Amino acid sequence: MSDSEDEVMAAWVEVAQYASDELGTSIFLLRIDSIVWQSGQIIGNHEPNREGARKALIEYFSEVGLPTDESTQLAEELTASM
């Protein structure tokens, strides 16, 4: 692995540890990666329509059990640069 790949893996480990600590249960890297990958696909399907992407993300996040406030905030953050 290159240094940048090592940095990415280390960051993912930190994300998983933080999420696990916050939720009080183990969260596996593949679960986090899957949610990020699916979010990227949703955004890609709606580009360049930021509002459409946000609405679709909020709906998706709600389906996987994220509360509305958190769904909205995450959708806004993920589409901020659109």
PDB file of N, CA and C in Angstrom:
ATOM      1  N   MET A   1       0.832  -1.185   0.000  1.00  0.00           N
ATOM      2  CA  MET A   1       0.000   0.000   0.000  1.00  0.00           C
ATOM      3  C   MET A   1       0.875   1.246   0.000  1.00  0.00           C
ATOM      4  N   SER A   2       0.362   2.291  -0.622  1.00  0.00           N
ATOM      5  CA  SER A   2       1.074   3.566  -0.613  1.00  0.00           C
ATOM      6  C   SER A   2       0.774   4.305   0.689  1.00  0.00           C
ATOM      7  N   ASP A   3       1.520   5.374   0.915  1.00  0.00           N
ATOM      8  CA  ASP A   3       1.278   6.182   2.115  1.00  0.00           C
ATOM      9  C   ASP A   3      -0.145   6.723   2.134  1.00  0.00           C
ATOM     10  N   SER A   4      -0.643   7.164   0.970  1.00  0.00           N
ATOM     11  CA  SER A   4      -1.997   7.720   0.923  1.00  0.00           C
ATOM     12  C   SER A   4      -3.040   6.638   1.213  1.00  0.00           C
ATOM     13  N   GLU A   5      -2.808   5.426   0.738  1.00  0.00           N
ATOM     14  CA  GLU A   5      -3.732   4.331   1.044  1.00  0.00           C
ATOM     15  C   GLU A   5      -3.717   4.015   2.534  1.00  0.00           C
ATOM     16  N   ASP A   6      -2.549   4.055   3.126  1.00  0.00           N
ATOM     17  CA  ASP A   6      -2.433   3.837   4.568  1.00  0.00           C
ATOM     18  C   ASP A   6      -3.198   4.919   5.338  1.00  0.00           C
ATOM     19  N   GLU A   7      -3.108   6.155   4.870  1.00  0.00           N
ATOM     20  CA  GLU A   7      -3.814   7.255   5.519  1.00  0.00           C
ATOM     21  C   GLU A   7      -5.323   7.072   5.419  1.00  0.00           C
ATOM     22  N   VAL A   8      -5.794   6.655   4.249  1.00  0.00           N
ATOM     23  CA  VAL A   8      -7.233   6.430   4.060  1.00  0.00           C
ATOM     24  C   VAL A   8      -7.714   5.314   4.982  1.00  0.00           C
ATOM     25  N   MET A   9      -6.982   4.206   5.028  1.00  0.00           N
ATOM     26  CA  MET A   9      -7.365   3.096   5.899  1.00  0.00           C
ATOM     27  C   MET A   9      -7.363   3.517   7.366  1.00  0.00           C
ATOM     28  N   ALA A  10      -6.361   4.283   7.759  1.00  0.00           N
ATOM     29  CA  ALA A  10      -6.297   4.756   9.146  1.00  0.00           C
ATOM     30  C   ALA A  10      -7.493   5.656   9.462  1.00  0.00           C
ATOM     31  N   ALA A  11      -7.867   6.498   8.506  1.00  0.00           N
ATOM     32  CA  ALA A  11      -9.021   7.377   8.712  1.00  0.00           C
ATOM     33  C   ALA A  11     -10.307   6.567   8.849  1.00  0.00           C
ATOM     34  N   TRP A  12     -10.469   5.537   8.012  1.00  0.00           N
ATOM     35  CA  TRP A  12     -11.666   4.682   8.094  1.00  0.00           C
ATOM     36  C   TRP A  12     -11.722   3.966   9.438  1.00  0.00           C
ATOM     37  N   VAL A  13     -10.579   3.526   9.936  1.00  0.00           N
ATOM     38  CA  VAL A  13     -10.540   2.874  11.246  1.00  0.00           C
ATOM     39  C   VAL A  13     -10.993   3.858  12.323  1.00  0.00           C
ATOM     40  N   GLU A  14     -10.545   5.104  12.232  1.00  0.00           N
ATOM     41  CA  GLU A  14     -10.967   6.123  13.189  1.00  0.00           C
ATOM     42  C   GLU A  14     -12.469   6.381  13.103  1.00  0.00           C
ATOM     43  N   VAL A  15     -12.991   6.444  11.886  1.00  0.00           N
ATOM     44  CA  VAL A  15     -14.436   6.655  11.699  1.00  0.00           C
ATOM     45  C   VAL A  15     -15.214   5.508  12.326  1.00  0.00           C
ATOM     46  N   ALA A  16     -14.791   4.277  12.059  1.00  0.00           N
ATOM     47  CA  ALA A  16     -15.487   3.117  12.613  1.00  0.00           C
ATOM     48  C   ALA A  16     -15.420   3.120  14.137  1.00  0.00           C
ATOM     49  N   GLN A  17     -14.278   3.464  14.684  1.00  0.00           N
ATOM     50  CA  GLN A  17     -14.136   3.497  16.147  1.00  0.00           C
ATOM     51  C   GLN A  17     -15.021   4.579  16.747  1.00  0.00           C
ATOM     52  N   TYR A  18     -15.032   5.748  16.123  1.00  0.00           N
ATOM     53  CA  TYR A  18     -15.874   6.840  16.612  1.00  0.00           C
ATOM     54  C   TYR A  18     -17.345   6.447  16.567  1.00  0.00           C
ATOM     55  N   ALA A  19     -17.783   5.891  15.426  1.00  0.00           N
ATOM     56  CA  ALA A  19     -19.185   5.482  15.287  1.00  0.00           C
ATOM     57  C   ALA A  19     -19.526   4.403  16.311  1.00  0.00           C
ATOM     58  N   SER A  20     -18.642   3.458  16.493  1.00  0.00           N
ATOM     59  CA  SER A  20     -18.870   2.393  17.468  1.00  0.00           C
ATOM     60  C   SER A  20     -18.988   2.960  18.881  1.00  0.00           C
ATOM     61  N   ASP A  21     -18.103   3.881  19.221  1.00  0.00           N
ATOM     62  CA  ASP A  21     -18.142   4.507  20.546  1.00  0.00           C
ATOM     63  C   ASP A  21     -19.435   5.294  20.749  1.00  0.00           C
ATOM     64  N   GLU A  22     -19.828   6.053  19.733  1.00  0.00           N
ATOM     65  CA  GLU A  22     -21.039   6.870  19.826  1.00  0.00           C
ATOM     66  C   GLU A  22     -22.291   6.008  19.979  1.00  0.00           C
ATOM     67  N   LEU A  23     -22.322   4.882  19.252  1.00  0.00           N
ATOM     68  CA  LEU A  23     -23.510   4.032  19.256  1.00  0.00           C
ATOM     69  C   LEU A  23     -23.481   2.957  20.338  1.00  0.00           C
ATOM     70  N   GLY A  24     -22.324   2.759  20.942  1.00  0.00           N
ATOM     71  CA  GLY A  24     -22.209   1.742  21.977  1.00  0.00           C
ATOM     72  C   GLY A  24     -22.251   0.320  21.450  1.00  0.00           C
ATOM     73  N   THR A  25     -21.920   0.144  20.176  1.00  0.00           N
ATOM     74  CA  THR A  25     -21.885  -1.178  19.553  1.00  0.00           C
ATOM     75  C   THR A  25     -20.873  -1.148  18.420  1.00  0.00           C
ATOM     76  N   SER A  26     -20.338  -2.291  18.068  1.00  0.00           N
ATOM     77  CA  SER A  26     -19.341  -2.343  16.990  1.00  0.00           C
ATOM     78  C   SER A  26     -19.983  -2.048  15.638  1.00  0.00           C
ATOM     79  N   ILE A  27     -19.383  -1.120  14.922  1.00  0.00           N
ATOM     80  CA  ILE A  27     -19.795  -0.787  13.564  1.00  0.00           C
ATOM     81  C   ILE A  27     -18.640  -1.178  12.652  1.00  0.00           C
ATOM     82  N   PHE A  28     -18.902  -2.019  11.695  1.00  0.00           N
ATOM     83  CA  PHE A  28     -17.854  -2.523  10.818  1.00  0.00           C
ATOM     84  C   PHE A  28     -17.599  -1.578   9.659  1.00  0.00           C
ATOM     85  N   LEU A  29     -16.354  -1.538   9.222  1.00  0.00           N
ATOM     86  CA  LEU A  29     -15.950  -0.655   8.124  1.00  0.00           C
ATOM     87  C   LEU A  29     -16.788  -0.855   6.875  1.00  0.00           C
ATOM     88  N   LEU A  30     -17.117  -2.082   6.545  1.00  0.00           N
ATOM     89  CA  LEU A  30     -17.900  -2.333   5.332  1.00  0.00           C
ATOM     90  C   LEU A  30     -19.294  -1.729   5.420  1.00  0.00           C
ATOM     91  N   ARG A  31     -19.856  -1.668   6.600  1.00  0.00           N
ATOM     92  CA  ARG A  31     -21.171  -1.054   6.746  1.00  0.00           C
ATOM     93  C   ARG A  31     -21.089   0.443   6.462  1.00  0.00           C
ATOM     94  N   ILE A  32     -20.079   1.086   7.019  1.00  0.00           N
ATOM     95  CA  ILE A  32     -19.882   2.518   6.774  1.00  0.00           C
ATOM     96  C   ILE A  32     -19.596   2.756   5.295  1.00  0.00           C
ATOM     97  N   ASP A  33     -18.707   1.956   4.722  1.00  0.00           N
ATOM     98  CA  ASP A  33     -18.344   2.104   3.323  1.00  0.00           C
ATOM     99  C   ASP A  33     -19.562   1.928   2.415  1.00  0.00           C
ATOM    100  N   SER A  34     -20.411   0.981   2.745  1.00  0.00           N
ATOM    101  CA  SER A  34     -21.607   0.739   1.951  1.00  0.00           C
ATOM    102  C   SER A  34     -22.535   1.956   1.948  1.00  0.00           C
ATOM    103  N   ILE A  35     -22.729   2.555   3.109  1.00  0.00           N
ATOM    104  CA  ILE A  35     -23.597   3.727   3.202  1.00  0.00           C
ATOM    105  C   ILE A  35     -23.009   4.898   2.405  1.00  0.00           C
ATOM    106  N   VAL A  36     -21.701   5.090   2.504  1.00  0.00           N
ATOM    107  CA  VAL A  36     -21.042   6.172   1.761  1.00  0.00           C
ATOM    108  C   VAL A  36     -21.152   5.910   0.257  1.00  0.00           C
ATOM    109  N   TRP A  37     -20.905   4.667  -0.161  1.00  0.00           N
ATOM    110  CA  TRP A  37     -20.969   4.311  -1.583  1.00  0.00           C
ATOM    111  C   TRP A  37     -22.378   4.531  -2.115  1.00  0.00           C
ATOM    112  N   GLN A  38     -23.384   4.071  -1.385  1.00  0.00           N
ATOM    113  CA  GLN A  38     -24.768   4.249  -1.822  1.00  0.00           C
ATOM    114  C   GLN A  38     -25.147   5.730  -1.881  1.00  0.00           C
ATOM    115  N   SER A  39     -24.656   6.496  -0.928  1.00  0.00           N
ATOM    116  CA  SER A  39     -24.914   7.943  -0.942  1.00  0.00           C
ATOM    117  C   SER A  39     -24.315   8.581  -2.188  1.00  0.00           C
ATOM    118  N   GLY A  40     -23.105   8.170  -2.534  1.00  0.00           N
ATOM    119  CA  GLY A  40     -22.465   8.690  -3.738  1.00  0.00           C
ATOM    120  C   GLY A  40     -23.246   8.364  -4.990  1.00  0.00           C
ATOM    121  N   GLN A  41     -23.808   7.168  -5.040  1.00  0.00           N
ATOM    122  CA  GLN A  41     -24.622   6.793  -6.198  1.00  0.00           C
ATOM    123  C   GLN A  41     -25.889   7.648  -6.282  1.00  0.00           C
ATOM    124  N   ILE A  42     -26.511   7.880  -5.142  1.00  0.00           N
ATOM    125  CA  ILE A  42     -27.715   8.715  -5.114  1.00  0.00           C
ATOM    126  C   ILE A  42     -27.380  10.122  -5.602  1.00  0.00           C
ATOM    127  N   ILE A  43     -26.295  10.673  -5.114  1.00  0.00           N
ATOM    128  CA  ILE A  43     -25.875  12.007  -5.545  1.00  0.00           C
ATOM    129  C   ILE A  43     -25.612  12.008  -7.042  1.00  0.00           C
ATOM    130  N   GLY A  44     -24.881  11.007  -7.533  1.00  0.00           N
ATOM    131  CA  GLY A  44     -24.572  10.919  -8.954  1.00  0.00           C
ATOM    132  C   GLY A  44     -25.812  10.824  -9.823  1.00  0.00           C
ATOM    133  N   ASN A  45     -26.822  10.135  -9.335  1.00  0.00           N
ATOM    134  CA  ASN A  45     -28.066   9.991 -10.099  1.00  0.00           C
ATOM    135  C   ASN A  45     -28.840  11.296 -10.200  1.00  0.00           C
ATOM    136  N   HIS A  46     -28.552  12.244  -9.338  1.00  0.00           N
ATOM    137  CA  HIS A  46     -29.296  13.502  -9.326  1.00  0.00           C
ATOM    138  C   HIS A  46     -28.477  14.709  -9.773  1.00  0.00           C
ATOM    139  N   GLU A  47     -27.186  14.519 -10.025  1.00  0.00           N
ATOM    140  CA  GLU A  47     -26.350  15.653 -10.442  1.00  0.00           C
ATOM    141  C   GLU A  47     -26.896  16.279 -11.712  1.00  0.00           C
ATOM    142  N   PRO A  48     -26.897  17.564 -11.831  1.00  0.00           N
ATOM    143  CA  PRO A  48     -26.410  18.600 -10.924  1.00  0.00           C
ATOM    144  C   PRO A  48     -27.507  19.147  -9.997  1.00  0.00           C
ATOM    145  N   ASN A  49     -28.602  18.405  -9.850  1.00  0.00           N
ATOM    146  CA  ASN A  49     -29.745  18.861  -9.070  1.00  0.00           C
ATOM    147  C   ASN A  49     -29.503  18.642  -7.573  1.00  0.00           C
ATOM    148  N   ARG A  50     -28.943  19.634  -6.918  1.00  0.00           N
ATOM    149  CA  ARG A  50     -28.605  19.526  -5.495  1.00  0.00           C
ATOM    150  C   ARG A  50     -29.836  19.220  -4.642  1.00  0.00           C
ATOM    151  N   GLU A  51     -30.921  19.934  -4.882  1.00  0.00           N
ATOM    152  CA  GLU A  51     -32.119  19.737  -4.060  1.00  0.00           C
ATOM    153  C   GLU A  51     -32.703  18.333  -4.245  1.00  0.00           C
ATOM    154  N   GLY A  52     -32.688  17.849  -5.478  1.00  0.00           N
ATOM    155  CA  GLY A  52     -33.166  16.489  -5.739  1.00  0.00           C
ATOM    156  C   GLY A  52     -32.301  15.454  -5.043  1.00  0.00           C
ATOM    157  N   ALA A  53     -30.984  15.675  -5.060  1.00  0.00           N
ATOM    158  CA  ALA A  53     -30.063  14.762  -4.387  1.00  0.00           C
ATOM    159  C   ALA A  53     -30.295  14.787  -2.886  1.00  0.00           C
ATOM    160  N   ARG A  54     -30.489  15.969  -2.339  1.00  0.00           N
ATOM    161  CA  ARG A  54     -30.731  16.080  -0.896  1.00  0.00           C
ATOM    162  C   ARG A  54     -32.001  15.343  -0.492  1.00  0.00           C
ATOM    163  N   LYS A  55     -33.062  15.550  -1.239  1.00  0.00           N
ATOM    164  CA  LYS A  55     -34.325  14.875  -0.922  1.00  0.00           C
ATOM    165  C   LYS A  55     -34.171  13.361  -0.996  1.00  0.00           C
ATOM    166  N   ALA A  56     -33.493  12.882  -2.030  1.00  0.00           N
ATOM    167  CA  ALA A  56     -33.290  11.441  -2.184  1.00  0.00           C
ATOM    168  C   ALA A  56     -32.422  10.878  -1.067  1.00  0.00           C
ATOM    169  N   LEU A  57     -31.401  11.628  -0.661  1.00  0.00           N
ATOM    170  CA  LEU A  57     -30.552  11.185   0.439  1.00  0.00           C
ATOM    171  C   LEU A  57     -31.327  11.133   1.753  1.00  0.00           C
ATOM    172  N   ILE A  58     -32.118  12.148   2.011  1.00  0.00           N
ATOM    173  CA  ILE A  58     -32.917  12.176   3.240  1.00  0.00           C
ATOM    174  C   ILE A  58     -33.856  10.975   3.284  1.00  0.00           C
ATOM    175  N   GLU A  59     -34.469  10.673   2.165  1.00  0.00           N
ATOM    176  CA  GLU A  59     -35.355   9.504   2.087  1.00  0.00           C
ATOM    177  C   GLU A  59     -34.578   8.214   2.354  1.00  0.00           C
ATOM    178  N   TYR A  60     -33.408   8.073   1.731  1.00  0.00           N
ATOM    179  CA  TYR A  60     -32.581   6.889   1.929  1.00  0.00           C
ATOM    180  C   TYR A  60     -32.139   6.761   3.388  1.00  0.00           C
ATOM    181  N   PHE A  61     -31.643   7.853   3.957  1.00  0.00           N
ATOM    182  CA  PHE A  61     -31.184   7.811   5.342  1.00  0.00           C
ATOM    183  C   PHE A  61     -32.333   7.472   6.298  1.00  0.00           C
ATOM    184  N   SER A  62     -33.520   7.973   6.009  1.00  0.00           N
ATOM    185  CA  SER A  62     -34.679   7.648   6.836  1.00  0.00           C
ATOM    186  C   SER A  62     -35.004   6.162   6.745  1.00  0.00           C
ATOM    187  N   GLU A  63     -34.879   5.595   5.542  1.00  0.00           N
ATOM    188  CA  GLU A  63     -35.148   4.169   5.345  1.00  0.00           C
ATOM    189  C   GLU A  63     -34.191   3.294   6.151  1.00  0.00           C
ATOM    190  N   VAL A  64     -32.949   3.747   6.316  1.00  0.00           N
ATOM    191  CA  VAL A  64     -31.976   2.946   7.065  1.00  0.00           C
ATOM    192  C   VAL A  64     -31.988   3.281   8.560  1.00  0.00           C
ATOM    193  N   GLY A  65     -32.926   4.147   8.988  1.00  0.00           N
ATOM    194  CA  GLY A  65     -33.127   4.378  10.405  1.00  0.00           C
ATOM    195  C   GLY A  65     -32.505   5.616  11.009  1.00  0.00           C
ATOM    196  N   LEU A  66     -31.979   6.512  10.178  1.00  0.00           N
ATOM    197  CA  LEU A  66     -31.402   7.736  10.711  1.00  0.00           C
ATOM    198  C   LEU A  66     -32.533   8.738  10.975  1.00  0.00           C
ATOM    199  N   PRO A  67     -32.542   9.372  12.139  1.00  0.00           N
ATOM    200  CA  PRO A  67     -33.584  10.362  12.442  1.00  0.00           C
ATOM    201  C   PRO A  67     -33.574  11.518  11.432  1.00  0.00           C
ATOM    202  N   THR A  68     -34.708  12.167  11.290  1.00  0.00           N
ATOM    203  CA  THR A  68     -34.892  13.216  10.284  1.00  0.00           C
ATOM    204  C   THR A  68     -33.871  14.337  10.390  1.00  0.00           C
ATOM    205  N   ASP A  69     -33.619  14.840  11.578  1.00  0.00           N
ATOM    206  CA  ASP A  69     -32.667  15.946  11.733  1.00  0.00           C
ATOM    207  C   ASP A  69     -31.276  15.552  11.254  1.00  0.00           C
ATOM    208  N   GLU A  70     -30.834  14.370  11.657  1.00  0.00           N
ATOM    209  CA  GLU A  70     -29.518  13.893  11.241  1.00  0.00           C
ATOM    210  C   GLU A  70     -29.476  13.602   9.744  1.00  0.00           C
ATOM    211  N   SER A  71     -30.582  13.064   9.205  1.00  0.00           N
ATOM    212  CA  SER A  71     -30.660  12.797   7.762  1.00  0.00           C
ATOM    213  C   SER A  71     -30.511  14.081   6.966  1.00  0.00           C
ATOM    214  N   THR A  72     -31.197  15.105   7.412  1.00  0.00           N
ATOM    215  CA  THR A  72     -31.155  16.399   6.723  1.00  0.00           C
ATOM    216  C   THR A  72     -29.759  17.005   6.793  1.00  0.00           C
ATOM    217  N   GLN A  73     -29.157  16.983   7.967  1.00  0.00           N
ATOM    218  CA  GLN A  73     -27.820  17.554   8.128  1.00  0.00           C
ATOM    219  C   GLN A  73     -26.804  16.809   7.265  1.00  0.00           C
ATOM    220  N   LEU A  74     -26.843  15.486   7.294  1.00  0.00           N
ATOM    221  CA  LEU A  74     -25.899  14.705   6.512  1.00  0.00           C
ATOM    222  C   LEU A  74     -26.099  14.933   5.017  1.00  0.00           C
ATOM    223  N   ALA A  75     -27.335  14.986   4.567  1.00  0.00           N
ATOM    224  CA  ALA A  75     -27.616  15.237   3.155  1.00  0.00           C
ATOM    225  C   ALA A  75     -27.081  16.600   2.722  1.00  0.00           C
ATOM    226  N   GLU A  76     -27.253  17.596   3.573  1.00  0.00           N
ATOM    227  CA  GLU A  76     -26.746  18.936   3.259  1.00  0.00           C
ATOM    228  C   GLU A  76     -25.226  18.939   3.178  1.00  0.00           C
ATOM    229  N   GLU A  77     -24.584  18.255   4.101  1.00  0.00           N
ATOM    230  CA  GLU A  77     -23.115  18.205   4.095  1.00  0.00           C
ATOM    231  C   GLU A  77     -22.584  17.465   2.870  1.00  0.00           C
ATOM    232  N   LEU A  78     -23.223  16.364   2.500  1.00  0.00           N
ATOM    233  CA  LEU A  78     -22.750  15.571   1.371  1.00  0.00           C
ATOM    234  C   LEU A  78     -22.979  16.250   0.020  1.00  0.00           C
ATOM    235  N   THR A  79     -23.898  17.194  -0.029  1.00  0.00           N
ATOM    236  CA  THR A  79     -24.202  17.874  -1.304  1.00  0.00           C
ATOM    237  C   THR A  79     -23.744  19.326  -1.312  1.00  0.00           C
ATOM    238  N   ALA A  80     -23.005  19.741  -0.331  1.00  0.00           N
ATOM    239  CA  ALA A  80     -22.614  21.153  -0.205  1.00  0.00           C
ATOM    240  C   ALA A  80     -21.846  21.666  -1.408  1.00  0.00           C
ATOM    241  N   SER A  81     -21.047  20.827  -2.037  1.00  0.00           N
ATOM    242  CA  SER A  81     -20.218  21.308  -3.148  1.00  0.00           C
ATOM    243  C   SER A  81     -20.865  21.098  -4.512  1.00  0.00           C
ATOM    244  N   MET A  82     -22.104  20.694  -4.546  1.00  0.00           N
ATOM    245  CA  MET A  82     -22.780  20.488  -5.845  1.00  0.00           C
ATOM    246  C   MET A  82     -23.139  21.817  -6.477  1.00  0.00           C
TER     247      MET A  82
END
